């Protein structure tokens, strides 16, 4: 029930003898005919203006910068070839061969089935180091043979893949001063 709150006030009326109505005596109370009339009247409360909640102002403090976890450095090309040739010598042991598309999933499966002491993250880093090397990208010409984990031919380089390899070779990270002299 939604009702308006009332405030009780006490008001004194005029004496009954002064009013136009006759004064009746109450035998139980012993009130005199000239006693003032007391009446309670209810007045609606006035609404107080709502106070706006003040927000506490905190002193300005520079936000804490989250420290990024230490990222392990990229694996060197030589270390990657050495690591992977220990587990898959047919593909990584005798010179650099182009890897088949989706080779990583096959190698993950080998890690799980043979319980190799190589993490998936470590494998990804090694594959990335090899696949981004200048020597590997230079082999990515149209029609070049790709090989699976057993060293068997498994597909060829397409036009799109060849263009991607050429685009990667043109990037500044493969400039002559970083690569060193050709052997």
C-alpha atoms as a PDB file:
ATOM      1  CA  UNK A   1       0.000   0.000   0.000  1.00  0.00           C
ATOM      2  CA  UNK A   2       1.524   3.256  -1.127  1.00  0.00           C
ATOM      3  CA  UNK A   3       0.340   6.133   1.059  1.00  0.00           C
ATOM      4  CA  UNK A   4       1.560   9.610   1.744  1.00  0.00           C
ATOM      5  CA  UNK A   5       3.218   9.843   5.156  1.00  0.00           C
ATOM      6  CA  UNK A   6       1.548  12.207   7.604  1.00  0.00           C
ATOM      7  CA  UNK A   7       2.964  14.207  10.453  1.00  0.00           C
ATOM      8  CA  UNK A   8       0.941  14.557  13.632  1.00  0.00           C
ATOM      9  CA  UNK A   9       0.589  18.070  14.988  1.00  0.00           C
ATOM     10  CA  UNK A  10      -1.085  19.371  18.099  1.00  0.00           C
ATOM     11  CA  UNK A  11      -3.218  22.446  17.743  1.00  0.00           C
ATOM     12  CA  UNK A  12      -5.197  24.235  20.374  1.00  0.00           C
ATOM     13  CA  UNK A  13      -8.607  25.414  19.433  1.00  0.00           C
ATOM     14  CA  UNK A  14     -10.534  28.308  20.961  1.00  0.00           C
ATOM     15  CA  UNK A  15     -12.070  27.875  24.381  1.00  0.00           C
ATOM     16  CA  UNK A  16     -15.454  26.278  24.235  1.00  0.00           C
ATOM     17  CA  UNK A  17     -17.072  29.092  26.035  1.00  0.00           C
ATOM     18  CA  UNK A  18     -15.867  31.396  23.302  1.00  0.00           C
ATOM     19  CA  UNK A  19     -17.120  29.151  20.546  1.00  0.00           C
ATOM     20  CA  UNK A  20     -20.627  29.174  19.226  1.00  0.00           C
ATOM     21  CA  UNK A  21     -21.336  25.587  20.213  1.00  0.00           C
ATOM     22  CA  UNK A  22     -22.426  24.895  23.793  1.00  0.00           C
ATOM     23  CA  UNK A  23     -19.969  23.272  26.154  1.00  0.00           C
ATOM     24  CA  UNK A  24     -20.913  19.816  27.394  1.00  0.00           C
ATOM     25  CA  UNK A  25     -19.407  18.426  30.540  1.00  0.00           C
ATOM     26  CA  UNK A  26     -17.933  14.994  30.640  1.00  0.00           C
ATOM     27  CA  UNK A  27     -18.689  13.517  34.028  1.00  0.00           C
ATOM     28  CA  UNK A  28     -15.918  10.906  33.862  1.00  0.00           C
ATOM     29  CA  UNK A  29     -13.133  13.290  33.092  1.00  0.00           C
ATOM     30  CA  UNK A  30     -14.253  16.180  35.037  1.00  0.00           C
ATOM     31  CA  UNK A  31     -13.474  18.644  32.318  1.00  0.00           C
ATOM     32  CA  UNK A  32     -14.556  22.150  32.862  1.00  0.00           C
ATOM     33  CA  UNK A  33     -16.797  23.771  30.335  1.00  0.00           C
ATOM     34  CA  UNK A  34     -14.192  26.422  29.749  1.00  0.00           C
ATOM     35  CA  UNK A  35     -11.254  24.081  29.028  1.00  0.00           C
ATOM     36  CA  UNK A  36      -9.628  24.488  25.654  1.00  0.00           C
ATOM     37  CA  UNK A  37     -10.487  21.990  22.966  1.00  0.00           C
ATOM     38  CA  UNK A  38      -7.528  19.822  21.952  1.00  0.00           C
ATOM     39  CA  UNK A  39      -7.563  18.352  18.469  1.00  0.00           C
ATOM     40  CA  UNK A  40      -5.067  16.298  16.530  1.00  0.00           C
ATOM     41  CA  UNK A  41      -4.782  17.130  12.887  1.00  0.00           C
ATOM     42  CA  UNK A  42      -2.737  15.230  10.379  1.00  0.00           C
ATOM     43  CA  UNK A  43      -0.749  17.264   7.911  1.00  0.00           C
ATOM     44  CA  UNK A  44       1.015  15.764   4.942  1.00  0.00           C
ATOM     45  CA  UNK A  45       4.789  15.845   5.271  1.00  0.00           C
ATOM     46  CA  UNK A  46       6.617  18.138   2.984  1.00  0.00           C
ATOM     47  CA  UNK A  47       8.962  16.291   0.727  1.00  0.00           C
ATOM     48  CA  UNK A  48      12.546  17.096   1.429  1.00  0.00           C
ATOM     49  CA  UNK A  49      14.663  17.677  -1.636  1.00  0.00           C
ATOM     50  CA  UNK A  50      16.622  14.548  -2.429  1.00  0.00           C
ATOM     51  CA  UNK A  51      20.240  14.849  -1.620  1.00  0.00           C
ATOM     52  CA  UNK A  52      22.562  13.951  -4.424  1.00  0.00           C
ATOM     53  CA  UNK A  53      24.911  11.302  -3.261  1.00  0.00           C
ATOM     54  CA  UNK A  54      28.358  12.747  -3.262  1.00  0.00           C
ATOM     55  CA  UNK A  55      30.962  10.560  -4.812  1.00  0.00           C
ATOM     56  CA  UNK A  56      34.159  10.233  -2.948  1.00  0.00           C
ATOM     57  CA  UNK A  57      37.039  11.567  -4.894  1.00  0.00           C
ATOM     58  CA  UNK A  58      40.109   9.481  -4.725  1.00  0.00           C
ATOM     59  CA  UNK A  59      43.496  11.035  -5.224  1.00  0.00           C
ATOM     60  CA  UNK A  60      44.858  10.660  -8.699  1.00  0.00           C
ATOM     61  CA  UNK A  61      47.277   7.808  -8.868  1.00  0.00           C
ATOM     62  CA  UNK A  62      48.884   6.683 -12.063  1.00  0.00           C
ATOM     63  CA  UNK A  63      47.557   3.289 -13.137  1.00  0.00           C
ATOM     64  CA  UNK A  64      49.832   0.392 -12.472  1.00  0.00           C
ATOM     65  CA  UNK A  65      51.420  -0.905 -15.606  1.00  0.00           C
ATOM     66  CA  UNK A  66      51.086  -4.631 -15.916  1.00  0.00           C
ATOM     67  CA  UNK A  67      54.359  -6.287 -16.557  1.00  0.00           C
ATOM     68  CA  UNK A  68      54.284  -8.620 -19.486  1.00  0.00           C
ATOM     69  CA  UNK A  69      55.630 -12.071 -18.823  1.00  0.00           C
ATOM     70  CA  UNK A  70      59.145 -12.556 -20.037  1.00  0.00           C
ATOM     71  CA  UNK A  71      58.983 -13.732 -23.619  1.00  0.00           C
ATOM     72  CA  UNK A  72      61.535 -16.311 -24.555  1.00  0.00           C
ATOM     73  CA  UNK A  73      63.721 -15.186 -27.423  1.00  0.00           C
ATOM     74  CA  UNK A  74      63.179 -16.578 -30.874  1.00  0.00           C
ATOM     75  CA  UNK A  75      64.902 -19.851 -31.598  1.00  0.00           C
ATOM     76  CA  UNK A  76      67.883 -19.616 -33.929  1.00  0.00           C
ATOM     77  CA  UNK A  77      67.749 -21.409 -37.266  1.00  0.00           C
ATOM     78  CA  UNK A  78      70.649 -23.693 -36.354  1.00  0.00           C
ATOM     79  CA  UNK A  79      69.122 -24.649 -33.002  1.00  0.00           C
ATOM     80  CA  UNK A  80      65.747 -25.352 -34.642  1.00  0.00           C
ATOM     81  CA  UNK A  81      67.251 -27.652 -37.282  1.00  0.00           C
ATOM     82  CA  UNK A  82      69.352 -29.434 -34.662  1.00  0.00           C
ATOM     83  CA  UNK A  83      66.355 -29.968 -32.361  1.00  0.00           C
ATOM     84  CA  UNK A  84      63.949 -31.207 -35.033  1.00  0.00           C
ATOM     85  CA  UNK A  85      66.490 -33.408 -36.842  1.00  0.00           C
ATOM     86  CA  UNK A  86      66.862 -35.452 -33.631  1.00  0.00           C
ATOM     87  CA  UNK A  87      63.171 -36.488 -33.851  1.00  0.00           C
ATOM     88  CA  UNK A  88      62.457 -36.332 -37.618  1.00  0.00           C
ATOM     89  CA  UNK A  89      65.776 -36.913 -39.418  1.00  0.00           C
ATOM     90  CA  UNK A  90      64.130 -37.771 -42.756  1.00  0.00           C
ATOM     91  CA  UNK A  91      62.728 -34.241 -43.082  1.00  0.00           C
ATOM     92  CA  UNK A  92      65.193 -32.062 -41.194  1.00  0.00           C
ATOM     93  CA  UNK A  93      68.402 -34.133 -41.229  1.00  0.00           C
ATOM     94  CA  UNK A  94      69.793 -33.917 -44.774  1.00  0.00           C
ATOM     95  CA  UNK A  95      69.631 -30.331 -45.930  1.00  0.00           C
ATOM     96  CA  UNK A  96      66.643 -28.035 -45.929  1.00  0.00           C
ATOM     97  CA  UNK A  97      63.414 -29.357 -47.480  1.00  0.00           C
ATOM     98  CA  UNK A  98      60.109 -27.594 -47.951  1.00  0.00           C
ATOM     99  CA  UNK A  99      57.538 -28.831 -45.446  1.00  0.00           C
ATOM    100  CA  UNK A 100      54.081 -29.977 -46.471  1.00  0.00           C
ATOM    101  CA  UNK A 101      51.059 -27.866 -45.624  1.00  0.00           C
ATOM    102  CA  UNK A 102      49.659 -28.670 -42.129  1.00  0.00           C
ATOM    103  CA  UNK A 103      52.802 -30.558 -41.114  1.00  0.00           C
ATOM    104  CA  UNK A 104      52.521 -29.123 -37.606  1.00  0.00           C
ATOM    105  CA  UNK A 105      49.435 -31.239 -36.800  1.00  0.00           C
ATOM    106  CA  UNK A 106      51.275 -34.412 -37.852  1.00  0.00           C
ATOM    107  CA  UNK A 107      54.218 -33.492 -35.641  1.00  0.00           C
ATOM    108  CA  UNK A 108      51.876 -32.761 -32.694  1.00  0.00           C
ATOM    109  CA  UNK A 109      50.435 -36.236 -33.130  1.00  0.00           C
ATOM    110  CA  UNK A 110      53.942 -37.739 -33.064  1.00  0.00           C
ATOM    111  CA  UNK A 111      54.754 -35.841 -29.866  1.00  0.00           C
ATOM    112  CA  UNK A 112      51.660 -37.289 -28.175  1.00  0.00           C
ATOM    113  CA  UNK A 113      51.942 -40.873 -29.434  1.00  0.00           C
ATOM    114  CA  UNK A 114      55.708 -41.262 -28.984  1.00  0.00           C
ATOM    115  CA  UNK A 115      55.780 -39.124 -25.809  1.00  0.00           C
ATOM    116  CA  UNK A 116      58.634 -36.999 -27.124  1.00  0.00           C
ATOM    117  CA  UNK A 117      60.259 -34.556 -24.668  1.00  0.00           C
ATOM    118  CA  UNK A 118      59.398 -31.584 -26.884  1.00  0.00           C
ATOM    119  CA  UNK A 119      56.629 -29.150 -26.022  1.00  0.00           C
ATOM    120  CA  UNK A 120      54.129 -27.957 -28.586  1.00  0.00           C
ATOM    121  CA  UNK A 121      55.260 -24.397 -28.030  1.00  0.00           C
ATOM    122  CA  UNK A 122      58.884 -25.391 -28.548  1.00  0.00           C
ATOM    123  CA  UNK A 123      57.936 -27.223 -31.739  1.00  0.00           C
ATOM    124  CA  UNK A 124      56.056 -24.179 -33.043  1.00  0.00           C
ATOM    125  CA  UNK A 125      59.046 -21.945 -32.343  1.00  0.00           C
ATOM    126  CA  UNK A 126      61.396 -24.296 -34.180  1.00  0.00           C
ATOM    127  CA  UNK A 127      59.085 -24.604 -37.208  1.00  0.00           C
ATOM    128  CA  UNK A 128      58.660 -20.815 -37.271  1.00  0.00           C
ATOM    129  CA  UNK A 129      62.426 -20.279 -37.184  1.00  0.00           C
ATOM    130  CA  UNK A 130      62.909 -22.606 -40.147  1.00  0.00           C
ATOM    131  CA  UNK A 131      59.923 -21.390 -42.188  1.00  0.00           C
ATOM    132  CA  UNK A 132      60.934 -17.723 -41.833  1.00  0.00           C
ATOM    133  CA  UNK A 133      64.563 -18.262 -42.755  1.00  0.00           C
ATOM    134  CA  UNK A 134      65.896 -16.792 -45.983  1.00  0.00           C
ATOM    135  CA  UNK A 135      67.172 -20.159 -47.260  1.00  0.00           C
ATOM    136  CA  UNK A 136      63.765 -21.800 -46.757  1.00  0.00           C
ATOM    137  CA  UNK A 137      61.864 -18.972 -48.463  1.00  0.00           C
ATOM    138  CA  UNK A 138      64.243 -19.006 -51.439  1.00  0.00           C
ATOM    139  CA  UNK A 139      63.265 -22.638 -52.092  1.00  0.00           C
ATOM    140  CA  UNK A 140      59.582 -21.687 -52.367  1.00  0.00           C
ATOM    141  CA  UNK A 141      59.475 -21.342 -56.149  1.00  0.00           C
ATOM    142  CA  UNK A 142      56.542 -22.423 -58.294  1.00  0.00           C
ATOM    143  CA  UNK A 143      56.386 -26.209 -58.681  1.00  0.00           C
ATOM    144  CA  UNK A 144      58.961 -27.028 -55.974  1.00  0.00           C
ATOM    145  CA  UNK A 145      58.371 -30.288 -54.101  1.00  0.00           C
ATOM    146  CA  UNK A 146      57.072 -30.361 -50.505  1.00  0.00           C
ATOM    147  CA  UNK A 147      57.854 -33.215 -48.092  1.00  0.00           C
ATOM    148  CA  UNK A 148      56.053 -34.920 -45.194  1.00  0.00           C
ATOM    149  CA  UNK A 149      57.538 -35.969 -41.828  1.00  0.00           C
ATOM    150  CA  UNK A 150      58.941 -39.187 -43.342  1.00  0.00           C
ATOM    151  CA  UNK A 151      60.790 -37.308 -46.094  1.00  0.00           C
ATOM    152  CA  UNK A 152      58.378 -38.455 -48.823  1.00  0.00           C
ATOM    153  CA  UNK A 153      57.220 -36.008 -51.550  1.00  0.00           C
ATOM    154  CA  UNK A 154      53.808 -34.638 -50.639  1.00  0.00           C
ATOM    155  CA  UNK A 155      52.592 -31.824 -52.880  1.00  0.00           C
ATOM    156  CA  UNK A 156      54.056 -28.881 -54.745  1.00  0.00           C
ATOM    157  CA  UNK A 157      54.359 -25.135 -54.222  1.00  0.00           C
ATOM    158  CA  UNK A 158      51.451 -23.239 -55.797  1.00  0.00           C
ATOM    159  CA  UNK A 159      51.529 -19.847 -57.520  1.00  0.00           C
ATOM    160  CA  UNK A 160      50.044 -18.121 -54.461  1.00  0.00           C
ATOM    161  CA  UNK A 161      52.551 -19.728 -52.081  1.00  0.00           C
ATOM    162  CA  UNK A 162      55.420 -18.787 -54.368  1.00  0.00           C
ATOM    163  CA  UNK A 163      54.271 -15.151 -54.458  1.00  0.00           C
ATOM    164  CA  UNK A 164      53.980 -15.124 -50.669  1.00  0.00           C
ATOM    165  CA  UNK A 165      57.549 -16.423 -50.311  1.00  0.00           C
ATOM    166  CA  UNK A 166      58.826 -13.740 -52.703  1.00  0.00           C
ATOM    167  CA  UNK A 167      56.912 -11.065 -50.763  1.00  0.00           C
ATOM    168  CA  UNK A 168      58.476 -12.247 -47.484  1.00  0.00           C
ATOM    169  CA  UNK A 169      61.934 -12.167 -49.041  1.00  0.00           C
ATOM    170  CA  UNK A 170      61.457  -8.518 -50.031  1.00  0.00           C
ATOM    171  CA  UNK A 171      60.769  -7.439 -46.431  1.00  0.00           C
ATOM    172  CA  UNK A 172      63.397  -5.318 -44.720  1.00  0.00           C
ATOM    173  CA  UNK A 173      64.245  -7.977 -42.128  1.00  0.00           C
ATOM    174  CA  UNK A 174      66.052  -9.947 -44.852  1.00  0.00           C
ATOM    175  CA  UNK A 175      68.325  -7.121 -45.980  1.00  0.00           C
ATOM    176  CA  UNK A 176      71.869  -7.973 -47.032  1.00  0.00           C
ATOM    177  CA  UNK A 177      73.527  -6.462 -43.943  1.00  0.00           C
ATOM    178  CA  UNK A 178      71.566  -8.757 -41.593  1.00  0.00           C
ATOM    179  CA  UNK A 179      72.089 -11.905 -43.618  1.00  0.00           C
ATOM    180  CA  UNK A 180      75.802 -11.554 -44.114  1.00  0.00           C
ATOM    181  CA  UNK A 181      77.813 -12.487 -47.173  1.00  0.00           C
ATOM    182  CA  UNK A 182      76.744 -15.379 -49.391  1.00  0.00           C
ATOM    183  CA  UNK A 183      78.939 -18.493 -49.053  1.00  0.00           C
END
